């Protein structure tokens, strides 16, 4: 709710971005950011038009981008 009100958010508790859409990986069972973005576009499409992801890990994020 705060993110929608203020227009930005930070996910400090996540990091489950090592898995892909069809399998787990890197000790991650699901891709938290991907699920969040899908829900935002599904339930708040009137307010959310685009999302920016800044990932500072040294490896590619498999759960956010298609294989």
C-alpha atoms as a PDB file:
ATOM      1  CA  UNK A   1       0.000   0.000   0.000  1.00  0.00           C
ATOM      2  CA  UNK A   2       2.837   2.396   0.793  1.00  0.00           C
ATOM      3  CA  UNK A   3       4.509   1.600  -2.523  1.00  0.00           C
ATOM      4  CA  UNK A   4       1.325   2.429  -4.414  1.00  0.00           C
ATOM      5  CA  UNK A   5       0.850   5.597  -2.387  1.00  0.00           C
ATOM      6  CA  UNK A   6       4.443   6.826  -2.751  1.00  0.00           C
ATOM      7  CA  UNK A   7       5.289   5.420  -6.164  1.00  0.00           C
ATOM      8  CA  UNK A   8       8.304   3.253  -5.241  1.00  0.00           C
ATOM      9  CA  UNK A   9       9.317   0.303  -3.045  1.00  0.00           C
ATOM     10  CA  UNK A  10      12.356  -1.616  -1.834  1.00  0.00           C
ATOM     11  CA  UNK A  11      12.339  -5.375  -1.212  1.00  0.00           C
ATOM     12  CA  UNK A  12      14.927  -6.021   1.527  1.00  0.00           C
ATOM     13  CA  UNK A  13      13.503  -9.375   2.594  1.00  0.00           C
ATOM     14  CA  UNK A  14      13.442 -11.044  -0.802  1.00  0.00           C
ATOM     15  CA  UNK A  15      16.149 -12.450  -2.965  1.00  0.00           C
ATOM     16  CA  UNK A  16      14.361 -15.512  -4.275  1.00  0.00           C
ATOM     17  CA  UNK A  17      15.336 -14.659  -7.829  1.00  0.00           C
ATOM     18  CA  UNK A  18      17.593 -17.641  -8.543  1.00  0.00           C
ATOM     19  CA  UNK A  19      14.808 -19.932  -9.737  1.00  0.00           C
ATOM     20  CA  UNK A  20      13.122 -19.858 -13.113  1.00  0.00           C
ATOM     21  CA  UNK A  21       9.423 -19.852 -13.855  1.00  0.00           C
ATOM     22  CA  UNK A  22       9.338 -23.643 -14.200  1.00  0.00           C
ATOM     23  CA  UNK A  23      11.898 -24.878 -11.632  1.00  0.00           C
ATOM     24  CA  UNK A  24      13.619 -23.969  -8.398  1.00  0.00           C
ATOM     25  CA  UNK A  25      17.278 -23.089  -8.136  1.00  0.00           C
ATOM     26  CA  UNK A  26      19.867 -21.519  -5.867  1.00  0.00           C
ATOM     27  CA  UNK A  27      17.931 -22.628  -2.761  1.00  0.00           C
ATOM     28  CA  UNK A  28      14.864 -20.712  -4.020  1.00  0.00           C
ATOM     29  CA  UNK A  29      11.495 -22.392  -4.465  1.00  0.00           C
ATOM     30  CA  UNK A  30       9.779 -19.424  -6.140  1.00  0.00           C
ATOM     31  CA  UNK A  31      10.639 -16.044  -7.650  1.00  0.00           C
ATOM     32  CA  UNK A  32       9.258 -13.472  -5.203  1.00  0.00           C
ATOM     33  CA  UNK A  33       9.701 -10.407  -7.400  1.00  0.00           C
ATOM     34  CA  UNK A  34       8.148 -12.124 -10.393  1.00  0.00           C
ATOM     35  CA  UNK A  35       5.080 -13.091  -8.352  1.00  0.00           C
ATOM     36  CA  UNK A  36       4.827  -9.554  -6.994  1.00  0.00           C
ATOM     37  CA  UNK A  37       4.985  -8.008 -10.458  1.00  0.00           C
ATOM     38  CA  UNK A  38       2.391 -10.411 -11.843  1.00  0.00           C
ATOM     39  CA  UNK A  39       0.063  -9.519  -8.955  1.00  0.00           C
ATOM     40  CA  UNK A  40       0.653  -5.789  -9.364  1.00  0.00           C
ATOM     41  CA  UNK A  41      -0.220  -5.913 -13.065  1.00  0.00           C
ATOM     42  CA  UNK A  42      -3.202  -8.184 -12.383  1.00  0.00           C
ATOM     43  CA  UNK A  43      -4.809  -6.310  -9.494  1.00  0.00           C
ATOM     44  CA  UNK A  44      -3.524  -2.756  -9.963  1.00  0.00           C
ATOM     45  CA  UNK A  45      -3.275  -2.411 -13.747  1.00  0.00           C
ATOM     46  CA  UNK A  46      -5.069   0.923 -13.507  1.00  0.00           C
ATOM     47  CA  UNK A  47      -2.249   2.295 -11.287  1.00  0.00           C
ATOM     48  CA  UNK A  48       0.851   0.285 -12.282  1.00  0.00           C
ATOM     49  CA  UNK A  49       2.134   0.721 -15.835  1.00  0.00           C
ATOM     50  CA  UNK A  50       5.792  -0.307 -15.558  1.00  0.00           C
ATOM     51  CA  UNK A  51       8.276  -1.759 -13.072  1.00  0.00           C
ATOM     52  CA  UNK A  52      12.021  -1.201 -12.689  1.00  0.00           C
ATOM     53  CA  UNK A  53      14.125  -3.940 -11.088  1.00  0.00           C
ATOM     54  CA  UNK A  54      17.628  -3.095  -9.869  1.00  0.00           C
ATOM     55  CA  UNK A  55      19.510  -6.288  -8.995  1.00  0.00           C
ATOM     56  CA  UNK A  56      23.082  -5.895  -7.813  1.00  0.00           C
ATOM     57  CA  UNK A  57      24.029  -9.582  -7.681  1.00  0.00           C
ATOM     58  CA  UNK A  58      26.948 -10.854  -9.742  1.00  0.00           C
ATOM     59  CA  UNK A  59      24.809 -13.345 -11.675  1.00  0.00           C
ATOM     60  CA  UNK A  60      21.800 -13.148 -13.979  1.00  0.00           C
ATOM     61  CA  UNK A  61      18.390 -13.240 -12.357  1.00  0.00           C
ATOM     62  CA  UNK A  62      16.651 -16.298 -13.778  1.00  0.00           C
ATOM     63  CA  UNK A  63      13.308 -15.756 -12.066  1.00  0.00           C
ATOM     64  CA  UNK A  64      12.727 -12.310 -13.516  1.00  0.00           C
ATOM     65  CA  UNK A  65      13.833 -12.674 -17.129  1.00  0.00           C
ATOM     66  CA  UNK A  66      12.790 -15.507 -19.444  1.00  0.00           C
ATOM     67  CA  UNK A  67      15.302 -18.219 -20.177  1.00  0.00           C
END
